[in-house]
C-alpha atoms as a PDB file:
ATOM      1  CA  MET A   1     -10.909  -4.562 -15.014  1.00  0.00           C
ATOM      2  CA  THR A   2     -10.534  -8.113 -13.887  1.00  0.00           C
ATOM      3  CA  LYS A   3     -10.719 -11.522 -15.669  1.00  0.00           C
ATOM      4  CA  THR A   4     -11.333 -15.062 -14.330  1.00  0.00           C
ATOM      5  CA  THR A   5      -8.183 -17.146 -14.514  1.00  0.00           C
ATOM      6  CA  HIS A   6      -7.502 -20.786 -13.790  1.00  0.00           C
ATOM      7  CA  ILE A   7      -4.823 -21.183 -11.078  1.00  0.00           C
ATOM      8  CA  ASP A   8      -2.705 -23.262 -13.499  1.00  0.00           C
ATOM      9  CA  SER A   9      -2.353 -20.094 -15.523  1.00  0.00           C
ATOM     10  CA  LEU A  10      -1.440 -17.783 -12.684  1.00  0.00           C
ATOM     11  CA  LEU A  11       2.052 -16.203 -12.575  1.00  0.00           C
ATOM     12  CA  ILE A  12       3.921 -14.924  -9.595  1.00  0.00           C
ATOM     13  CA  GLY A  13       3.593 -11.135  -9.764  1.00  0.00           C
ATOM     14  CA  MET A  14      -0.038 -11.029 -11.081  1.00  0.00           C
ATOM     15  CA  GLN A  15      -2.468  -9.023  -8.956  1.00  0.00           C
ATOM     16  CA  LEU A  16      -5.661 -10.502  -7.525  1.00  0.00           C
ATOM     17  CA  GLY A  17      -8.748  -8.474  -8.538  1.00  0.00           C
ATOM     18  CA  ALA A  18     -11.100  -9.844  -5.859  1.00  0.00           C
ATOM     19  CA  PRO A  19     -10.869 -11.718  -2.554  1.00  0.00           C
ATOM     20  CA  VAL A  20     -10.420 -15.409  -2.857  1.00  0.00           C
ATOM     21  CA  LYS A  21     -12.848 -17.462  -0.770  1.00  0.00           C
ATOM     22  CA  ASN A  22     -13.048 -21.139   0.101  1.00  0.00           C
ATOM     23  CA  LYS A  23     -16.154 -23.244  -0.109  1.00  0.00           C
ATOM     24  CA  PHE A  24     -17.102 -22.159   3.327  1.00  0.00           C
ATOM     25  CA  ASN A  25     -16.991 -18.448   2.269  1.00  0.00           C
ATOM     26  CA  GLN A  26     -13.996 -17.767   4.365  1.00  0.00           C
ATOM     27  CA  VAL A  27     -11.531 -15.233   2.886  1.00  0.00           C
ATOM     28  CA  LEU A  28      -8.181 -16.935   1.994  1.00  0.00           C
ATOM     29  CA  CYS A  29      -6.638 -13.859   0.452  1.00  0.00           C
ATOM     30  CA  SER A  30      -7.813 -10.236   0.182  1.00  0.00           C
ATOM     31  CA  GLY A  31      -8.123  -8.701  -3.305  1.00  0.00           C
ATOM     32  CA  ASN A  32      -5.432  -6.416  -4.729  1.00  0.00           C
ATOM     33  CA  ILE A  33      -2.524  -8.480  -3.477  1.00  0.00           C
ATOM     34  CA  ILE A  34       0.415  -9.488  -5.657  1.00  0.00           C
ATOM     35  CA  ILE A  35       0.482 -13.299  -6.036  1.00  0.00           C
ATOM     36  CA  GLU A  36       3.496 -15.074  -4.532  1.00  0.00           C
ATOM     37  CA  GLU A  37       4.399 -18.785  -4.383  1.00  0.00           C
ATOM     38  CA  LYS A  38       2.754 -19.099  -0.971  1.00  0.00           C
ATOM     39  CA  HIS A  39      -0.545 -17.952  -2.547  1.00  0.00           C
ATOM     40  CA  LEU A  40      -0.404 -20.659  -5.248  1.00  0.00           C
ATOM     41  CA  LYS A  41       0.150 -23.321  -2.649  1.00  0.00           C
ATOM     42  CA  LEU A  42      -2.770 -22.024  -0.661  1.00  0.00           C
ATOM     43  CA  PHE A  43      -5.110 -22.081  -3.629  1.00  0.00           C
ATOM     44  CA  LYS A  44      -4.166 -25.681  -4.479  1.00  0.00           C
ATOM     45  CA  THR A  45      -4.494 -26.717  -0.806  1.00  0.00           C
ATOM     46  CA  TRP A  46      -8.027 -25.345  -0.565  1.00  0.00           C
ATOM     47  CA  GLY A  47      -9.047 -26.671  -3.969  1.00  0.00           C
ATOM     48  CA  ILE A  48      -9.504 -23.132  -5.537  1.00  0.00           C
ATOM     49  CA  GLN A  49      -9.897 -23.566  -9.319  1.00  0.00           C
ATOM     50  CA  ASN A  50     -10.221 -19.923 -10.485  1.00  0.00           C
ATOM     51  CA  VAL A  51      -9.519 -16.492  -9.290  1.00  0.00           C
ATOM     52  CA  GLU A  52     -10.051 -12.901 -10.482  1.00  0.00           C
ATOM     53  CA  ILE A  53      -6.881 -11.256 -11.882  1.00  0.00           C
ATOM     54  CA  VAL A  54      -6.430  -7.627 -12.680  1.00  0.00           C
ATOM     55  CA  GLU A  55      -5.981  -7.301 -16.540  1.00  0.00           C
ATOM     56  CA  GLY A  56      -3.236  -5.304 -18.210  1.00  0.00           C
ATOM     57  CA  ASP A  57      -0.868  -4.924 -15.248  1.00  0.00           C
ATOM     58  CA  VAL A  58       1.439  -7.777 -16.112  1.00  0.00           C
ATOM     59  CA  ASN A  59       3.090  -9.364 -19.161  1.00  0.00           C
ATOM     60  CA  GLU A  60       3.171 -13.039 -19.884  1.00  0.00           C
ATOM     61  CA  ASP A  61       6.535 -13.360 -17.850  1.00  0.00           C
ATOM     62  CA  GLY A  62       4.886 -11.906 -14.730  1.00  0.00           C
ATOM     63  CA  LYS A  63       6.519  -8.471 -15.035  1.00  0.00           C
ATOM     64  CA  GLU A  64       4.469  -5.243 -14.909  1.00  0.00           C
ATOM     65  CA  ASN A  65       3.983  -3.412 -18.160  1.00  0.00           C
ATOM     66  CA  LYS A  66       6.160  -0.299 -18.577  1.00  0.00           C
ATOM     67  CA  SER A  67       3.162   1.856 -19.666  1.00  0.00           C
ATOM     68  CA  VAL A  68       1.257   0.858 -16.509  1.00  0.00           C
ATOM     69  CA  LEU A  69       4.324   1.681 -14.306  1.00  0.00           C
ATOM     70  CA  ASN A  70       4.869   5.026 -16.023  1.00  0.00           C
ATOM     71  CA  GLU A  71       1.158   5.900 -15.674  1.00  0.00           C
ATOM     72  CA  ASP A  72       1.185   4.942 -12.022  1.00  0.00           C
ATOM     73  CA  LEU A  73       4.328   7.048 -11.451  1.00  0.00           C
ATOM     74  CA  LYS A  74       2.733  10.053 -13.070  1.00  0.00           C
ATOM     75  CA  GLN A  75      -0.297   9.655 -10.819  1.00  0.00           C
ATOM     76  CA  LEU A  76       1.899   9.316  -7.806  1.00  0.00           C
ATOM     77  CA  SER A  77       4.006  12.305  -8.608  1.00  0.00           C
ATOM     78  CA  LYS A  78       0.931  14.487  -8.262  1.00  0.00           C
ATOM     79  CA  TYR A  79       0.996  13.802  -4.529  1.00  0.00           C
ATOM     80  CA  PHE A  80       4.829  14.389  -3.972  1.00  0.00           C
ATOM     81  CA  ASN A  81       6.709  17.671  -4.270  1.00  0.00           C
ATOM     82  CA  TRP A  82       9.882  15.960  -5.591  1.00  0.00           C
ATOM     83  CA  GLU A  83      10.884  13.737  -8.440  1.00  0.00           C
ATOM     84  CA  PRO A  84      12.986  10.611  -7.695  1.00  0.00           C
ATOM     85  CA  ALA A  85      16.710  11.363  -8.411  1.00  0.00           C
ATOM     86  CA  ASN A  86      18.383   8.033  -7.674  1.00  0.00           C
ATOM     87  CA  ASP A  87      17.665   4.308  -7.185  1.00  0.00           C
ATOM     88  CA  VAL A  88      16.726   4.642  -3.533  1.00  0.00           C
ATOM     89  CA  GLU A  89      14.118   7.377  -4.263  1.00  0.00           C
ATOM     90  CA  LEU A  90      12.727   5.276  -7.176  1.00  0.00           C
ATOM     91  CA  ASP A  91      12.308   2.334  -4.666  1.00  0.00           C
ATOM     92  CA  LEU A  92      10.375   4.709  -2.300  1.00  0.00           C
ATOM     93  CA  PHE A  93       8.148   5.641  -5.229  1.00  0.00           C
ATOM     94  CA  GLU A  94       7.699   2.010  -6.124  1.00  0.00           C
ATOM     95  CA  ILE A  95       6.664   1.135  -2.486  1.00  0.00           C
ATOM     96  CA  ALA A  96       4.165   4.016  -2.534  1.00  0.00           C
ATOM     97  CA  ARG A  97       2.820   3.026  -5.904  1.00  0.00           C
ATOM     98  CA  ARG A  98       2.193  -0.612  -4.840  1.00  0.00           C
ATOM     99  CA  ARG A  99       0.576   0.576  -1.573  1.00  0.00           C
ATOM    100  CA  PHE A 100      -1.734   3.004  -3.522  1.00  0.00           C
ATOM    101  CA  SER A 101      -2.727   0.143  -5.734  1.00  0.00           C
ATOM    102  CA  GLU A 102      -3.358  -2.262  -2.869  1.00  0.00           C
ATOM    103  CA  LEU A 103      -5.629   0.316  -1.225  1.00  0.00           C
ATOM    104  CA  ASN A 104      -7.388   1.356  -4.484  1.00  0.00           C
ATOM    105  CA  ILE A 105      -6.475   4.952  -3.914  1.00  0.00           C
ATOM    106  CA  TRP A 106      -6.118   5.590  -7.623  1.00  0.00           C
ATOM    107  CA  ASP A 107      -9.877   5.254  -8.182  1.00  0.00           C
ATOM    108  CA  GLU A 108     -10.706   7.571  -5.317  1.00  0.00           C
ATOM    109  CA  LYS A 109      -8.247  10.304  -6.394  1.00  0.00           C
ATOM    110  CA  LYS A 110      -9.206  10.354 -10.120  1.00  0.00           C
END
């Protein structure tokens, strides 16, 4: 689920819920990306006032909710034959989780 958010309320680490287009209908950012400082500058440069943000994935400080992370890891573990046993393997799971989210694979697999 997405909500419309003014760019002054955006935090680094939030996820776009829809592509951001300029007044000429050109895509500036695809949907489902994690917002970085460069995106905030881009929105201000092009005069973007509001964007669609995925709700429930981040806290006020820009960090992802633990419950969302745990649910994603449960979903992801269905497709792997191993459980992460150390920090390196957890990082691999995190990379895969973010990629699955970017590609909207969760919705297709449910």
